[in-house]
Amino acid sequence: MRLHLSVDLPYPSDLARVCERVQHDVANRVAQLTGMRVAEVTLTIRRLVTAPGPGRRRVR
């Protein structure tokens, strides 16, 4: 089975590491739930989402 997902990811972050983790976790969880082996999980990053941090506050 192959899966293709579109995701929004946090920025800044190590995008390669986040993508690898998502692919691994999705493949494992689908296998647990369905009993089917996932051969490939392909990701498309739709957008990068910045989160307000200590120095980045949203203006209201």
PDB file of N, CA and C in Angstrom:
ATOM      1  N   MET A   1       0.838  -1.163   0.000  1.00  0.00           N
ATOM      2  CA  MET A   1       0.000   0.000   0.000  1.00  0.00           C
ATOM      3  C   MET A   1       0.891   1.236   0.000  1.00  0.00           C
ATOM      4  N   ARG A   2       0.437   2.242  -0.736  1.00  0.00           N
ATOM      5  CA  ARG A   2       1.123   3.532  -0.766  1.00  0.00           C
ATOM      6  C   ARG A   2       0.168   4.604  -0.274  1.00  0.00           C
ATOM      7  N   LEU A   3       0.702   5.541   0.473  1.00  0.00           N
ATOM      8  CA  LEU A   3      -0.088   6.652   0.987  1.00  0.00           C
ATOM      9  C   LEU A   3       0.556   7.954   0.555  1.00  0.00           C
ATOM     10  N   HIS A   4      -0.289   8.926   0.269  1.00  0.00           N
ATOM     11  CA  HIS A   4       0.205  10.263  -0.028  1.00  0.00           C
ATOM     12  C   HIS A   4      -0.525  11.230   0.884  1.00  0.00           C
ATOM     13  N   LEU A   5       0.226  12.034   1.632  1.00  0.00           N
ATOM     14  CA  LEU A   5      -0.349  12.977   2.576  1.00  0.00           C
ATOM     15  C   LEU A   5       0.111  14.393   2.263  1.00  0.00           C
ATOM     16  N   SER A   6      -0.788  15.351   2.469  1.00  0.00           N
ATOM     17  CA  SER A   6      -0.436  16.767   2.411  1.00  0.00           C
ATOM     18  C   SER A   6      -0.458  17.277   3.844  1.00  0.00           C
ATOM     19  N   VAL A   7       0.603  17.952   4.241  1.00  0.00           N
ATOM     20  CA  VAL A   7       0.720  18.373   5.640  1.00  0.00           C
ATOM     21  C   VAL A   7       1.176  19.826   5.753  1.00  0.00           C
ATOM     22  N   ASP A   8       0.824  20.426   6.871  1.00  0.00           N
ATOM     23  CA  ASP A   8       1.365  21.722   7.281  1.00  0.00           C
ATOM     24  C   ASP A   8       2.392  21.419   8.363  1.00  0.00           C
ATOM     25  N   LEU A   9       3.579  21.981   8.251  1.00  0.00           N
ATOM     26  CA  LEU A   9       4.635  21.687   9.217  1.00  0.00           C
ATOM     27  C   LEU A   9       5.075  22.959   9.932  1.00  0.00           C
ATOM     28  N   PRO A  10       5.552  22.793  11.168  1.00  0.00           N
ATOM     29  CA  PRO A  10       6.029  23.962  11.915  1.00  0.00           C
ATOM     30  C   PRO A  10       7.339  24.476  11.340  1.00  0.00           C
ATOM     31  N   TYR A  11       7.480  25.790  11.422  1.00  0.00           N
ATOM     32  CA  TYR A  11       8.718  26.420  10.975  1.00  0.00           C
ATOM     33  C   TYR A  11       9.127  27.443  12.017  1.00  0.00           C
ATOM     34  N   PRO A  12      10.331  27.534  12.419  1.00  0.00           N
ATOM     35  CA  PRO A  12      11.461  26.757  11.926  1.00  0.00           C
ATOM     36  C   PRO A  12      11.528  25.393  12.613  1.00  0.00           C
ATOM     37  N   SER A  13      11.970  24.415  11.873  1.00  0.00           N
ATOM     38  CA  SER A  13      12.228  23.074  12.411  1.00  0.00           C
ATOM     39  C   SER A  13      13.102  22.326  11.408  1.00  0.00           C
ATOM     40  N   ASP A  14      13.597  21.185  11.817  1.00  0.00           N
ATOM     41  CA  ASP A  14      14.379  20.332  10.932  1.00  0.00           C
ATOM     42  C   ASP A  14      13.381  19.569  10.060  1.00  0.00           C
ATOM     43  N   LEU A  15      13.079  20.111   8.897  1.00  0.00           N
ATOM     44  CA  LEU A  15      12.020  19.562   8.053  1.00  0.00           C
ATOM     45  C   LEU A  15      12.279  18.121   7.634  1.00  0.00           C
ATOM     46  N   ALA A  16      13.512  17.790   7.322  1.00  0.00           N
ATOM     47  CA  ALA A  16      13.833  16.415   6.932  1.00  0.00           C
ATOM     48  C   ALA A  16      13.533  15.452   8.068  1.00  0.00           C
ATOM     49  N   ARG A  17      13.917  15.806   9.269  1.00  0.00           N
ATOM     50  CA  ARG A  17      13.679  14.948  10.428  1.00  0.00           C
ATOM     51  C   ARG A  17      12.180  14.825  10.728  1.00  0.00           C
ATOM     52  N   VAL A  18      11.461  15.946  10.649  1.00  0.00           N
ATOM     53  CA  VAL A  18      10.015  15.919  10.897  1.00  0.00           C
ATOM     54  C   VAL A  18       9.321  15.037   9.857  1.00  0.00           C
ATOM     55  N   CYS A  19       9.697  15.166   8.592  1.00  0.00           N
ATOM     56  CA  CYS A  19       9.092  14.352   7.533  1.00  0.00           C
ATOM     57  C   CYS A  19       9.367  12.864   7.742  1.00  0.00           C
ATOM     58  N   GLU A  20      10.602  12.531   8.073  1.00  0.00           N
ATOM     59  CA  GLU A  20      10.939  11.126   8.340  1.00  0.00           C
ATOM     60  C   GLU A  20      10.099  10.567   9.475  1.00  0.00           C
ATOM     61  N   ARG A  21       9.935  11.353  10.523  1.00  0.00           N
ATOM     62  CA  ARG A  21       9.165  10.910  11.684  1.00  0.00           C
ATOM     63  C   ARG A  21       7.688  10.711  11.324  1.00  0.00           C
ATOM     64  N   VAL A  22       7.134  11.643  10.568  1.00  0.00           N
ATOM     65  CA  VAL A  22       5.731  11.522  10.147  1.00  0.00           C
ATOM     66  C   VAL A  22       5.553  10.280   9.284  1.00  0.00           C
ATOM     67  N   GLN A  23       6.446  10.076   8.332  1.00  0.00           N
ATOM     68  CA  GLN A  23       6.349   8.898   7.465  1.00  0.00           C
ATOM     69  C   GLN A  23       6.405   7.606   8.282  1.00  0.00           C
ATOM     70  N   HIS A  24       7.333   7.530   9.193  1.00  0.00           N
ATOM     71  CA  HIS A  24       7.493   6.347  10.034  1.00  0.00           C
ATOM     72  C   HIS A  24       6.265   6.119  10.908  1.00  0.00           C
ATOM     73  N   ASP A  25       5.818   7.167  11.593  1.00  0.00           N
ATOM     74  CA  ASP A  25       4.678   7.035  12.503  1.00  0.00           C
ATOM     75  C   ASP A  25       3.390   6.676  11.760  1.00  0.00           C
ATOM     76  N   VAL A  26       3.164   7.291  10.607  1.00  0.00           N
ATOM     77  CA  VAL A  26       1.958   6.985   9.829  1.00  0.00           C
ATOM     78  C   VAL A  26       1.991   5.537   9.340  1.00  0.00           C
ATOM     79  N   ALA A  27       3.127   5.107   8.804  1.00  0.00           N
ATOM     80  CA  ALA A  27       3.242   3.727   8.313  1.00  0.00           C
ATOM     81  C   ALA A  27       2.995   2.729   9.441  1.00  0.00           C
ATOM     82  N   ASN A  28       3.575   2.970  10.600  1.00  0.00           N
ATOM     83  CA  ASN A  28       3.374   2.057  11.730  1.00  0.00           C
ATOM     84  C   ASN A  28       1.933   2.036  12.202  1.00  0.00           C
ATOM     85  N   ARG A  29       1.315   3.199  12.306  1.00  0.00           N
ATOM     86  CA  ARG A  29      -0.057   3.273  12.827  1.00  0.00           C
ATOM     87  C   ARG A  29      -1.057   2.648  11.858  1.00  0.00           C
ATOM     88  N   VAL A  30      -0.889   2.890  10.570  1.00  0.00           N
ATOM     89  CA  VAL A  30      -1.778   2.276   9.579  1.00  0.00           C
ATOM     90  C   VAL A  30      -1.623   0.753   9.618  1.00  0.00           C
ATOM     91  N   ALA A  31      -0.395   0.283   9.750  1.00  0.00           N
ATOM     92  CA  ALA A  31      -0.162  -1.162   9.847  1.00  0.00           C
ATOM     93  C   ALA A  31      -0.835  -1.739  11.091  1.00  0.00           C
ATOM     94  N   GLN A  32      -0.746  -1.037  12.206  1.00  0.00           N
ATOM     95  CA  GLN A  32      -1.395  -1.504  13.441  1.00  0.00           C
ATOM     96  C   GLN A  32      -2.909  -1.568  13.286  1.00  0.00           C
ATOM     97  N   LEU A  33      -3.484  -0.552  12.669  1.00  0.00           N
ATOM     98  CA  LEU A  33      -4.939  -0.462  12.561  1.00  0.00           C
ATOM     99  C   LEU A  33      -5.531  -1.384  11.504  1.00  0.00           C
ATOM    100  N   THR A  34      -4.787  -1.614  10.414  1.00  0.00           N
ATOM    101  CA  THR A  34      -5.353  -2.378   9.299  1.00  0.00           C
ATOM    102  C   THR A  34      -4.712  -3.747   9.096  1.00  0.00           C
ATOM    103  N   GLY A  35      -3.512  -3.927   9.646  1.00  0.00           N
ATOM    104  CA  GLY A  35      -2.794  -5.177   9.409  1.00  0.00           C
ATOM    105  C   GLY A  35      -2.122  -5.216   8.043  1.00  0.00           C
ATOM    106  N   MET A  36      -2.194  -4.111   7.315  1.00  0.00           N
ATOM    107  CA  MET A  36      -1.587  -4.045   5.986  1.00  0.00           C
ATOM    108  C   MET A  36      -0.223  -3.379   6.064  1.00  0.00           C
ATOM    109  N   ARG A  37       0.686  -3.859   5.244  1.00  0.00           N
ATOM    110  CA  ARG A  37       2.027  -3.278   5.191  1.00  0.00           C
ATOM    111  C   ARG A  37       2.001  -2.035   4.311  1.00  0.00           C
ATOM    112  N   VAL A  38       2.567  -0.950   4.815  1.00  0.00           N
ATOM    113  CA  VAL A  38       2.661   0.295   4.055  1.00  0.00           C
ATOM    114  C   VAL A  38       4.052   0.351   3.448  1.00  0.00           C
ATOM    115  N   ALA A  39       4.104   0.295   2.126  1.00  0.00           N
ATOM    116  CA  ALA A  39       5.389   0.280   1.431  1.00  0.00           C
ATOM    117  C   ALA A  39       5.980   1.678   1.281  1.00  0.00           C
ATOM    118  N   GLU A  40       5.101   2.684   1.195  1.00  0.00           N
ATOM    119  CA  GLU A  40       5.602   4.031   0.940  1.00  0.00           C
ATOM    120  C   GLU A  40       4.625   5.067   1.487  1.00  0.00           C
ATOM    121  N   VAL A  41       5.172   6.089   2.145  1.00  0.00           N
ATOM    122  CA  VAL A  41       4.389   7.244   2.581  1.00  0.00           C
ATOM    123  C   VAL A  41       5.062   8.466   1.970  1.00  0.00           C
ATOM    124  N   THR A  42       4.348   9.125   1.073  1.00  0.00           N
ATOM    125  CA  THR A  42       4.867  10.315   0.399  1.00  0.00           C
ATOM    126  C   THR A  42       4.206  11.541   1.005  1.00  0.00           C
ATOM    127  N   LEU A  43       5.010  12.546   1.301  1.00  0.00           N
ATOM    128  CA  LEU A  43       4.488  13.774   1.889  1.00  0.00           C
ATOM    129  C   LEU A  43       4.630  14.943   0.930  1.00  0.00           C
ATOM    130  N   THR A  44       3.618  15.781   0.918  1.00  0.00           N
ATOM    131  CA  THR A  44       3.689  17.078   0.266  1.00  0.00           C
ATOM    132  C   THR A  44       3.532  18.110   1.364  1.00  0.00           C
ATOM    133  N   ILE A  45       4.476  19.017   1.456  1.00  0.00           N
ATOM    134  CA  ILE A  45       4.374  20.080   2.462  1.00  0.00           C
ATOM    135  C   ILE A  45       3.553  21.204   1.835  1.00  0.00           C
ATOM    136  N   ARG A  46       2.320  21.386   2.344  1.00  0.00           N
ATOM    137  CA  ARG A  46       1.433  22.430   1.814  1.00  0.00           C
ATOM    138  C   ARG A  46       1.910  23.814   2.198  1.00  0.00           C
ATOM    139  N   ARG A  47       2.293  23.948   3.459  1.00  0.00           N
ATOM    140  CA  ARG A  47       2.786  25.245   3.918  1.00  0.00           C
ATOM    141  C   ARG A  47       3.573  25.064   5.206  1.00  0.00           C
ATOM    142  N   LEU A  48       4.387  26.051   5.495  1.00  0.00           N
ATOM    143  CA  LEU A  48       5.140  26.097   6.742  1.00  0.00           C
ATOM    144  C   LEU A  48       4.421  27.064   7.670  1.00  0.00           C
ATOM    145  N   VAL A  49       4.188  26.618   8.890  1.00  0.00           N
ATOM    146  CA  VAL A  49       3.417  27.391   9.852  1.00  0.00           C
ATOM    147  C   VAL A  49       4.352  27.893  10.941  1.00  0.00           C
ATOM    148  N   THR A  50       4.418  29.198  11.109  1.00  0.00           N
ATOM    149  CA  THR A  50       5.242  29.753  12.180  1.00  0.00           C
ATOM    150  C   THR A  50       4.402  29.850  13.440  1.00  0.00           C
ATOM    151  N   ALA A  51       4.984  29.431  14.515  1.00  0.00           N
ATOM    152  CA  ALA A  51       4.307  29.495  15.811  1.00  0.00           C
ATOM    153  C   ALA A  51       4.854  30.680  16.576  1.00  0.00           C
ATOM    154  N   PRO A  52       3.994  31.403  17.264  1.00  0.00           N
ATOM    155  CA  PRO A  52       4.517  32.512  18.070  1.00  0.00           C
ATOM    156  C   PRO A  52       5.405  31.970  19.191  1.00  0.00           C
ATOM    157  N   GLY A  53       6.582  32.520  19.309  1.00  0.00           N
ATOM    158  CA  GLY A  53       7.493  32.110  20.374  1.00  0.00           C
ATOM    159  C   GLY A  53       7.638  33.233  21.368  1.00  0.00           C
ATOM    160  N   PRO A  54       8.599  33.120  22.275  1.00  0.00           N
ATOM    161  CA  PRO A  54       8.790  34.145  23.292  1.00  0.00           C
ATOM    162  C   PRO A  54       9.002  35.537  22.700  1.00  0.00           C
ATOM    163  N   GLY A  55       9.728  35.626  21.605  1.00  0.00           N
ATOM    164  CA  GLY A  55       9.988  36.915  20.995  1.00  0.00           C
ATOM    165  C   GLY A  55       9.050  37.253  19.865  1.00  0.00           C
ATOM    166  N   ARG A  56       8.099  36.349  19.590  1.00  0.00           N
ATOM    167  CA  ARG A  56       7.192  36.540  18.462  1.00  0.00           C
ATOM    168  C   ARG A  56       5.763  36.486  18.961  1.00  0.00           C
ATOM    169  N   ARG A  57       5.252  37.601  19.330  1.00  0.00           N
ATOM    170  CA  ARG A  57       3.873  37.633  19.807  1.00  0.00           C
ATOM    171  C   ARG A  57       2.959  38.138  18.715  1.00  0.00           C
ATOM    172  N   ARG A  58       1.754  37.618  18.731  1.00  0.00           N
ATOM    173  CA  ARG A  58       0.763  38.047  17.758  1.00  0.00           C
ATOM    174  C   ARG A  58       0.195  39.397  18.155  1.00  0.00           C
ATOM    175  N   VAL A  59      -0.071  40.202  17.174  1.00  0.00           N
ATOM    176  CA  VAL A  59      -0.705  41.502  17.414  1.00  0.00           C
ATOM    177  C   VAL A  59      -2.207  41.290  17.395  1.00  0.00           C
ATOM    178  N   ARG A  60      -2.878  41.832  18.418  1.00  0.00           N
ATOM    179  CA  ARG A  60      -4.339  41.685  18.466  1.00  0.00           C
ATOM    180  C   ARG A  60      -5.006  42.967  18.125  1.00  0.00           C
TER     181      ARG A  60
END
